[in-house]
Amino acid sequence: MKLHIALAMATPMLAAPADLLSGLAVTGAGRREIPGLPLQIVMLMTALTLLPAVLVSLTPFLRISVVLHFLRQALGTQTVPSNQVLIGLSLFLSLLVMQPVLKDAYEMGWAPMEQGRLSGSEALEQGIKPVKSFLLRFAKERDIALMLDVTKSPAPRHATDLELRVLAPAYVLSELKAGFQIGAVLFLPFLIIDIVVASVTLSIGMVQLPPVMVSAPFKILLFVLVDGWGLVVGSLMKSFQ
């Protein structure tokens, strides 16, 4: 199953293996030849090399990680939580969001190919549809238009006809914008606390004690009292529904 999930997540990038699979012969009564173990290993190795880029760029990991890093900066806790914790949380939340997409990609692409009902190129074409639908939901029209202009591609009649080379960078741009917008909103209440604390400390002559050190406990206390982690994570997950 790990092999299936890895291949499903790297489906958008597996153009080269698809060319190999498209040449498989038809055997028996129209039944296609199932790729052997060596070919599956080659596909897995290709998927593993592309998997980090796909995971970081073409999943909710991008938006979630950006927002969580902005949140840590706003709290002023420097290295708490650590990068490993934030990346791990972003990864698990991304897997929760992507689980239905990966399931559809597996059932529409890889499973029929295993059963000999589809060739490699046909499996790629079918398996990529759920991924493109997901990217299309969150890619902004302005970013798609920009990528169409950059690639000199004609505008398709239907949005579902967009090529992945246009849709993928448009999705990344849209997610970066969304992450920065959410991060800016998160910064505001903590910025107000910093300004108030800095004004008070300067007015009473506490110039030797950094205002950031004084405001940090108040920001953390406010964040804990309002159940900040639950609110942030809940809002992020709802933004992908």
C-alpha atoms as a PDB file:
ATOM      1  CA  MET A   1       0.000   0.000   0.000  1.00  0.00           C
ATOM      2  CA  LYS A   2       2.965   2.338   0.680  1.00  0.00           C
ATOM      3  CA  LEU A   3       4.038   1.826  -2.908  1.00  0.00           C
ATOM      4  CA  HIS A   4       0.557   2.741  -4.119  1.00  0.00           C
ATOM      5  CA  ILE A   5       0.389   5.914  -1.998  1.00  0.00           C
ATOM      6  CA  ALA A   6       3.850   7.072  -3.072  1.00  0.00           C
ATOM      7  CA  LEU A   7       3.003   6.565  -6.718  1.00  0.00           C
ATOM      8  CA  ALA A   8      -0.363   8.287  -6.345  1.00  0.00           C
ATOM      9  CA  MET A   9       1.189  11.378  -4.728  1.00  0.00           C
ATOM     10  CA  ALA A  10       3.809  11.605  -7.488  1.00  0.00           C
ATOM     11  CA  THR A  11       1.286  10.957 -10.285  1.00  0.00           C
ATOM     12  CA  PRO A  12       1.504  14.538 -11.675  1.00  0.00           C
ATOM     13  CA  MET A  13       5.250  14.184 -12.260  1.00  0.00           C
ATOM     14  CA  LEU A  14       5.522  10.652 -13.635  1.00  0.00           C
ATOM     15  CA  ALA A  15       5.589  11.552 -17.319  1.00  0.00           C
ATOM     16  CA  ALA A  16       8.729   9.541 -18.095  1.00  0.00           C
ATOM     17  CA  PRO A  17       7.520   6.269 -16.531  1.00  0.00           C
ATOM     18  CA  ALA A  18       4.213   6.794 -18.308  1.00  0.00           C
ATOM     19  CA  ASP A  19       6.037   6.713 -21.641  1.00  0.00           C
ATOM     20  CA  LEU A  20       7.590   3.412 -20.651  1.00  0.00           C
ATOM     21  CA  LEU A  21       4.274   1.930 -19.597  1.00  0.00           C
ATOM     22  CA  SER A  22       2.461   3.116 -22.680  1.00  0.00           C
ATOM     23  CA  GLY A  23       4.500   0.687 -24.735  1.00  0.00           C
ATOM     24  CA  LEU A  24       3.285  -2.416 -22.910  1.00  0.00           C
ATOM     25  CA  ALA A  25       1.848  -5.024 -25.221  1.00  0.00           C
ATOM     26  CA  VAL A  26      -1.714  -6.290 -25.238  1.00  0.00           C
ATOM     27  CA  THR A  27      -1.967  -9.959 -24.368  1.00  0.00           C
ATOM     28  CA  GLY A  28      -4.802 -12.465 -24.480  1.00  0.00           C
ATOM     29  CA  ALA A  29      -8.318 -11.273 -25.174  1.00  0.00           C
ATOM     30  CA  GLY A  30      -7.547  -7.569 -24.999  1.00  0.00           C
ATOM     31  CA  ARG A  31      -5.956  -7.877 -21.547  1.00  0.00           C
ATOM     32  CA  ARG A  32      -2.966  -5.607 -21.070  1.00  0.00           C
ATOM     33  CA  GLU A  33       0.317  -6.802 -19.646  1.00  0.00           C
ATOM     34  CA  ILE A  34       0.829  -5.896 -15.977  1.00  0.00           C
ATOM     35  CA  PRO A  35       4.166  -4.145 -15.291  1.00  0.00           C
ATOM     36  CA  GLY A  36       6.689  -6.489 -13.717  1.00  0.00           C
ATOM     37  CA  LEU A  37       8.545  -5.996 -10.464  1.00  0.00           C
ATOM     38  CA  PRO A  38      11.661  -4.353 -12.014  1.00  0.00           C
ATOM     39  CA  LEU A  39       9.515  -1.764 -13.776  1.00  0.00           C
ATOM     40  CA  GLN A  40       7.545  -1.113 -10.585  1.00  0.00           C
ATOM     41  CA  ILE A  41      10.834  -0.561  -8.740  1.00  0.00           C
ATOM     42  CA  VAL A  42      11.938   1.952 -11.380  1.00  0.00           C
ATOM     43  CA  MET A  43       8.604   3.756 -11.002  1.00  0.00           C
ATOM     44  CA  LEU A  44       8.954   3.778  -7.218  1.00  0.00           C
ATOM     45  CA  MET A  45      12.479   5.224  -7.364  1.00  0.00           C
ATOM     46  CA  THR A  46      11.286   7.946  -9.729  1.00  0.00           C
ATOM     47  CA  ALA A  47       8.347   8.691  -7.472  1.00  0.00           C
ATOM     48  CA  LEU A  48      10.556   8.917  -4.394  1.00  0.00           C
ATOM     49  CA  THR A  49      12.852  11.480  -6.026  1.00  0.00           C
ATOM     50  CA  LEU A  50       9.898  13.664  -6.981  1.00  0.00           C
ATOM     51  CA  LEU A  51       7.807  13.049  -3.885  1.00  0.00           C
ATOM     52  CA  PRO A  52       9.354  15.785  -1.648  1.00  0.00           C
ATOM     53  CA  ALA A  53       8.770  18.506  -4.256  1.00  0.00           C
ATOM     54  CA  VAL A  54       5.214  17.311  -4.888  1.00  0.00           C
ATOM     55  CA  LEU A  55       4.470  17.068  -1.175  1.00  0.00           C
ATOM     56  CA  VAL A  56       5.815  20.521  -0.341  1.00  0.00           C
ATOM     57  CA  SER A  57       4.381  22.380  -3.336  1.00  0.00           C
ATOM     58  CA  LEU A  58       1.196  20.670  -4.507  1.00  0.00           C
ATOM     59  CA  THR A  59      -0.503  19.845  -1.213  1.00  0.00           C
ATOM     60  CA  PRO A  60      -1.951  21.882   1.688  1.00  0.00           C
ATOM     61  CA  PHE A  61       1.496  21.534   3.294  1.00  0.00           C
ATOM     62  CA  LEU A  62       2.497  24.807   1.636  1.00  0.00           C
ATOM     63  CA  ARG A  63      -0.223  26.965   3.164  1.00  0.00           C
ATOM     64  CA  ILE A  64      -0.188  25.232   6.557  1.00  0.00           C
ATOM     65  CA  SER A  65       3.581  25.480   7.007  1.00  0.00           C
ATOM     66  CA  VAL A  66       3.642  29.161   6.019  1.00  0.00           C
ATOM     67  CA  VAL A  67       0.840  30.024   8.471  1.00  0.00           C
ATOM     68  CA  LEU A  68       2.425  28.088  11.351  1.00  0.00           C
ATOM     69  CA  HIS A  69       5.780  29.794  10.844  1.00  0.00           C
ATOM     70  CA  PHE A  70       4.073  33.200  10.785  1.00  0.00           C
ATOM     71  CA  LEU A  71       2.278  32.252  14.002  1.00  0.00           C
ATOM     72  CA  ARG A  72       5.522  31.340  15.729  1.00  0.00           C
ATOM     73  CA  GLN A  73       7.048  34.651  14.682  1.00  0.00           C
ATOM     74  CA  ALA A  74       4.011  36.556  15.926  1.00  0.00           C
ATOM     75  CA  LEU A  75       4.242  34.838  19.315  1.00  0.00           C
ATOM     76  CA  GLY A  76       7.917  35.750  19.508  1.00  0.00           C
ATOM     77  CA  THR A  77       8.901  32.312  20.837  1.00  0.00           C
ATOM     78  CA  GLN A  78      11.801  32.017  18.356  1.00  0.00           C
ATOM     79  CA  THR A  79      12.387  28.254  18.173  1.00  0.00           C
ATOM     80  CA  VAL A  80       9.350  26.976  20.114  1.00  0.00           C
ATOM     81  CA  PRO A  81       7.736  24.927  18.625  1.00  0.00           C
ATOM     82  CA  SER A  82      10.757  23.653  16.723  1.00  0.00           C
ATOM     83  CA  ASN A  83      10.870  23.376  12.948  1.00  0.00           C
ATOM     84  CA  GLN A  84      10.533  19.601  13.208  1.00  0.00           C
ATOM     85  CA  VAL A  85       7.301  19.930  15.173  1.00  0.00           C
ATOM     86  CA  LEU A  86       5.803  22.476  12.783  1.00  0.00           C
ATOM     87  CA  ILE A  87       6.770  20.434   9.730  1.00  0.00           C
ATOM     88  CA  GLY A  88       5.399  17.256  11.322  1.00  0.00           C
ATOM     89  CA  LEU A  89       2.095  18.941  12.158  1.00  0.00           C
ATOM     90  CA  SER A  90       1.876  20.380   8.642  1.00  0.00           C
ATOM     91  CA  LEU A  91       2.578  16.948   7.165  1.00  0.00           C
ATOM     92  CA  PHE A  92      -0.096  15.126   9.157  1.00  0.00           C
ATOM     93  CA  LEU A  93      -2.704  17.797   8.482  1.00  0.00           C
ATOM     94  CA  SER A  94      -1.841  17.697   4.774  1.00  0.00           C
ATOM     95  CA  LEU A  95      -2.285  13.922   4.688  1.00  0.00           C
ATOM     96  CA  LEU A  96      -5.730  14.305   6.270  1.00  0.00           C
ATOM     97  CA  VAL A  97      -6.787  16.748   3.555  1.00  0.00           C
ATOM     98  CA  MET A  98      -5.218  14.778   0.703  1.00  0.00           C
ATOM     99  CA  GLN A  99      -6.471  11.342   1.752  1.00  0.00           C
ATOM    100  CA  PRO A 100      -9.672  11.452  -0.380  1.00  0.00           C
ATOM    101  CA  VAL A 101      -7.699  12.778  -3.368  1.00  0.00           C
ATOM    102  CA  LEU A 102      -5.076  10.032  -3.094  1.00  0.00           C
ATOM    103  CA  LYS A 103      -7.776   7.397  -2.693  1.00  0.00           C
ATOM    104  CA  ASP A 104      -9.547   8.576  -5.859  1.00  0.00           C
ATOM    105  CA  ALA A 105      -6.249   8.735  -7.782  1.00  0.00           C
ATOM    106  CA  TYR A 106      -5.410   5.184  -6.738  1.00  0.00           C
ATOM    107  CA  GLU A 107      -8.840   3.792  -7.567  1.00  0.00           C
ATOM    108  CA  MET A 108      -9.046   5.571 -10.931  1.00  0.00           C
ATOM    109  CA  GLY A 109      -5.455   5.071 -12.081  1.00  0.00           C
ATOM    110  CA  TRP A 110      -3.249   2.521 -10.372  1.00  0.00           C
ATOM    111  CA  ALA A 111      -5.839  -0.115  -9.425  1.00  0.00           C
ATOM    112  CA  PRO A 112      -7.210  -0.523 -12.996  1.00  0.00           C
ATOM    113  CA  MET A 113      -3.655  -0.715 -14.339  1.00  0.00           C
ATOM    114  CA  GLU A 114      -2.834  -3.479 -11.843  1.00  0.00           C
ATOM    115  CA  GLN A 115      -5.876  -5.365 -13.054  1.00  0.00           C
ATOM    116  CA  GLY A 116      -4.752  -4.976 -16.658  1.00  0.00           C
ATOM    117  CA  ARG A 117      -7.699  -2.814 -17.700  1.00  0.00           C
ATOM    118  CA  LEU A 118      -5.622   0.317 -18.439  1.00  0.00           C
ATOM    119  CA  SER A 119      -2.237   1.002 -19.974  1.00  0.00           C
ATOM    120  CA  GLY A 120       0.320   3.194 -18.245  1.00  0.00           C
ATOM    121  CA  SER A 121      -0.581   6.332 -20.165  1.00  0.00           C
ATOM    122  CA  GLU A 122      -4.302   5.737 -19.638  1.00  0.00           C
ATOM    123  CA  ALA A 123      -3.738   5.130 -15.911  1.00  0.00           C
ATOM    124  CA  LEU A 124      -1.776   8.357 -15.677  1.00  0.00           C
ATOM    125  CA  GLU A 125      -4.523  10.271 -17.470  1.00  0.00           C
ATOM    126  CA  GLN A 126      -7.227   8.886 -15.188  1.00  0.00           C
ATOM    127  CA  GLY A 127      -5.221   9.087 -11.965  1.00  0.00           C
ATOM    128  CA  ILE A 128      -4.266  12.694 -12.517  1.00  0.00           C
ATOM    129  CA  LYS A 129      -7.876  13.888 -12.739  1.00  0.00           C
ATOM    130  CA  PRO A 130      -8.534  14.007  -8.939  1.00  0.00           C
ATOM    131  CA  VAL A 131      -5.234  15.824  -8.431  1.00  0.00           C
ATOM    132  CA  LYS A 132      -6.071  18.419 -11.066  1.00  0.00           C
ATOM    133  CA  SER A 133      -9.543  18.884  -9.585  1.00  0.00           C
ATOM    134  CA  PHE A 134      -7.986  19.555  -6.171  1.00  0.00           C
ATOM    135  CA  LEU A 135      -5.478  22.056  -7.566  1.00  0.00           C
ATOM    136  CA  LEU A 136      -8.191  23.766  -9.583  1.00  0.00           C
ATOM    137  CA  ARG A 137     -10.310  24.334  -6.459  1.00  0.00           C
ATOM    138  CA  PHE A 138      -7.646  26.531  -4.851  1.00  0.00           C
ATOM    139  CA  ALA A 139      -5.808  28.061  -7.815  1.00  0.00           C
ATOM    140  CA  LYS A 140      -6.929  31.651  -8.411  1.00  0.00           C
ATOM    141  CA  GLU A 141      -8.053  32.749 -11.848  1.00  0.00           C
ATOM    142  CA  ARG A 142      -5.516  35.585 -11.890  1.00  0.00           C
ATOM    143  CA  ASP A 143      -2.636  33.178 -11.235  1.00  0.00           C
ATOM    144  CA  ILE A 144      -3.897  30.743 -13.862  1.00  0.00           C
ATOM    145  CA  ALA A 145      -4.123  33.593 -16.377  1.00  0.00           C
ATOM    146  CA  LEU A 146      -0.564  34.613 -15.484  1.00  0.00           C
ATOM    147  CA  MET A 147       0.754  31.100 -16.073  1.00  0.00           C
ATOM    148  CA  LEU A 148      -1.136  30.854 -19.374  1.00  0.00           C
ATOM    149  CA  ASP A 149       0.512  34.090 -20.450  1.00  0.00           C
ATOM    150  CA  VAL A 150       3.966  32.943 -19.321  1.00  0.00           C
ATOM    151  CA  THR A 151       3.698  29.606 -21.137  1.00  0.00           C
ATOM    152  CA  LYS A 152       2.064  31.198 -24.204  1.00  0.00           C
ATOM    153  CA  SER A 153      -0.739  28.657 -23.940  1.00  0.00           C
ATOM    154  CA  PRO A 154      -4.215  29.344 -25.319  1.00  0.00           C
ATOM    155  CA  ALA A 155      -7.007  29.532 -22.780  1.00  0.00           C
ATOM    156  CA  PRO A 156      -8.875  26.192 -22.701  1.00  0.00           C
ATOM    157  CA  ARG A 157     -12.597  25.977 -23.257  1.00  0.00           C
ATOM    158  CA  HIS A 158     -13.111  24.319 -19.864  1.00  0.00           C
ATOM    159  CA  ALA A 159     -11.087  24.721 -16.680  1.00  0.00           C
ATOM    160  CA  THR A 160     -10.653  20.953 -16.442  1.00  0.00           C
ATOM    161  CA  ASP A 161      -8.692  21.052 -19.709  1.00  0.00           C
ATOM    162  CA  LEU A 162      -5.865  23.054 -18.120  1.00  0.00           C
ATOM    163  CA  GLU A 163      -2.478  21.404 -18.360  1.00  0.00           C
ATOM    164  CA  LEU A 164      -0.634  20.494 -15.172  1.00  0.00           C
ATOM    165  CA  ARG A 165       2.348  22.664 -16.161  1.00  0.00           C
ATOM    166  CA  VAL A 166       0.011  25.655 -15.922  1.00  0.00           C
ATOM    167  CA  LEU A 167      -2.094  24.526 -12.997  1.00  0.00           C
ATOM    168  CA  ALA A 168       0.751  23.506 -10.656  1.00  0.00           C
ATOM    169  CA  PRO A 169       2.618  26.866 -10.490  1.00  0.00           C
ATOM    170  CA  ALA A 170      -0.701  28.732 -10.355  1.00  0.00           C
ATOM    171  CA  TYR A 171      -1.675  26.654  -7.317  1.00  0.00           C
ATOM    172  CA  VAL A 172       1.662  27.381  -5.622  1.00  0.00           C
ATOM    173  CA  LEU A 173       1.256  31.138  -6.158  1.00  0.00           C
ATOM    174  CA  SER A 174      -2.314  31.074  -4.861  1.00  0.00           C
ATOM    175  CA  GLU A 175      -1.328  29.114  -1.750  1.00  0.00           C
ATOM    176  CA  LEU A 176       1.559  31.473  -1.005  1.00  0.00           C
ATOM    177  CA  LYS A 177      -0.811  34.435  -1.218  1.00  0.00           C
ATOM    178  CA  ALA A 178      -3.375  32.719   1.011  1.00  0.00           C
ATOM    179  CA  GLY A 179      -0.697  31.777   3.556  1.00  0.00           C
ATOM    180  CA  PHE A 180       0.682  35.310   3.741  1.00  0.00           C
ATOM    181  CA  GLN A 181      -2.802  36.795   4.080  1.00  0.00           C
ATOM    182  CA  ILE A 182      -3.660  34.490   6.981  1.00  0.00           C
ATOM    183  CA  GLY A 183      -0.258  35.163   8.552  1.00  0.00           C
ATOM    184  CA  ALA A 184      -0.794  38.931   8.374  1.00  0.00           C
ATOM    185  CA  VAL A 185      -4.166  38.582  10.119  1.00  0.00           C
ATOM    186  CA  LEU A 186      -2.577  36.448  12.862  1.00  0.00           C
ATOM    187  CA  PHE A 187       0.111  39.062  13.396  1.00  0.00           C
ATOM    188  CA  LEU A 188      -2.307  41.920  14.160  1.00  0.00           C
ATOM    189  CA  PRO A 189      -3.465  41.069  17.725  1.00  0.00           C
ATOM    190  CA  PHE A 190       0.073  40.234  18.828  1.00  0.00           C
ATOM    191  CA  LEU A 191       1.389  43.403  17.214  1.00  0.00           C
ATOM    192  CA  ILE A 192      -1.124  45.436  19.230  1.00  0.00           C
ATOM    193  CA  ILE A 193       0.128  43.802  22.439  1.00  0.00           C
ATOM    194  CA  ASP A 194       3.727  44.635  21.458  1.00  0.00           C
ATOM    195  CA  ILE A 195       2.831  48.281  20.795  1.00  0.00           C
ATOM    196  CA  VAL A 196       0.930  48.648  24.088  1.00  0.00           C
ATOM    197  CA  VAL A 197       3.698  47.023  26.130  1.00  0.00           C
ATOM    198  CA  ALA A 198       6.388  49.082  24.389  1.00  0.00           C
ATOM    199  CA  SER A 199       4.452  52.303  25.076  1.00  0.00           C
ATOM    200  CA  VAL A 200       3.992  51.429  28.766  1.00  0.00           C
ATOM    201  CA  THR A 201       7.596  50.397  29.348  1.00  0.00           C
ATOM    202  CA  LEU A 202       8.939  53.541  27.669  1.00  0.00           C
ATOM    203  CA  SER A 203       6.524  55.794  29.559  1.00  0.00           C
ATOM    204  CA  ILE A 204       7.708  54.463  32.942  1.00  0.00           C
ATOM    205  CA  GLY A 205      11.365  54.586  31.950  1.00  0.00           C
ATOM    206  CA  MET A 206      12.060  50.842  31.601  1.00  0.00           C
ATOM    207  CA  VAL A 207      14.526  51.355  28.757  1.00  0.00           C
ATOM    208  CA  GLN A 208      16.932  48.665  29.962  1.00  0.00           C
ATOM    209  CA  LEU A 209      14.372  45.846  29.623  1.00  0.00           C
ATOM    210  CA  PRO A 210      13.445  44.924  26.031  1.00  0.00           C
ATOM    211  CA  PRO A 211       9.684  45.370  25.420  1.00  0.00           C
ATOM    212  CA  VAL A 212       9.619  42.062  23.530  1.00  0.00           C
ATOM    213  CA  MET A 213      10.661  40.209  26.686  1.00  0.00           C
ATOM    214  CA  VAL A 214       7.833  41.830  28.637  1.00  0.00           C
ATOM    215  CA  SER A 215       5.163  41.271  25.991  1.00  0.00           C
ATOM    216  CA  ALA A 216       6.048  37.614  25.320  1.00  0.00           C
ATOM    217  CA  PRO A 217       4.303  36.201  28.453  1.00  0.00           C
ATOM    218  CA  PHE A 218       1.180  38.244  27.720  1.00  0.00           C
ATOM    219  CA  LYS A 219       1.020  37.019  24.111  1.00  0.00           C
ATOM    220  CA  ILE A 220       1.501  33.404  25.131  1.00  0.00           C
ATOM    221  CA  LEU A 221      -1.115  33.738  27.893  1.00  0.00           C
ATOM    222  CA  LEU A 222      -3.633  35.268  25.472  1.00  0.00           C
ATOM    223  CA  PHE A 223      -2.926  32.543  22.918  1.00  0.00           C
ATOM    224  CA  VAL A 224      -3.457  29.790  25.489  1.00  0.00           C
ATOM    225  CA  LEU A 225      -6.639  31.321  26.944  1.00  0.00           C
ATOM    226  CA  VAL A 226      -8.364  31.529  23.564  1.00  0.00           C
ATOM    227  CA  ASP A 227      -7.223  27.994  22.600  1.00  0.00           C
ATOM    228  CA  GLY A 228      -5.108  29.420  19.812  1.00  0.00           C
ATOM    229  CA  TRP A 229      -3.783  26.145  18.434  1.00  0.00           C
ATOM    230  CA  GLY A 230      -7.279  24.738  18.100  1.00  0.00           C
ATOM    231  CA  LEU A 231      -8.561  27.881  16.405  1.00  0.00           C
ATOM    232  CA  VAL A 232      -5.666  28.124  13.964  1.00  0.00           C
ATOM    233  CA  VAL A 233      -5.630  24.437  13.015  1.00  0.00           C
ATOM    234  CA  GLY A 234      -9.431  24.291  12.806  1.00  0.00           C
ATOM    235  CA  SER A 235      -9.586  27.348  10.570  1.00  0.00           C
ATOM    236  CA  LEU A 236      -6.839  25.976   8.329  1.00  0.00           C
ATOM    237  CA  MET A 237      -8.590  22.642   7.908  1.00  0.00           C
ATOM    238  CA  LYS A 238     -11.937  24.332   7.188  1.00  0.00           C
ATOM    239  CA  SER A 239     -10.276  26.478   4.517  1.00  0.00           C
ATOM    240  CA  PHE A 240      -9.653  23.303   2.486  1.00  0.00           C
ATOM    241  CA  GLN A 241     -13.221  22.031   2.649  1.00  0.00           C
END
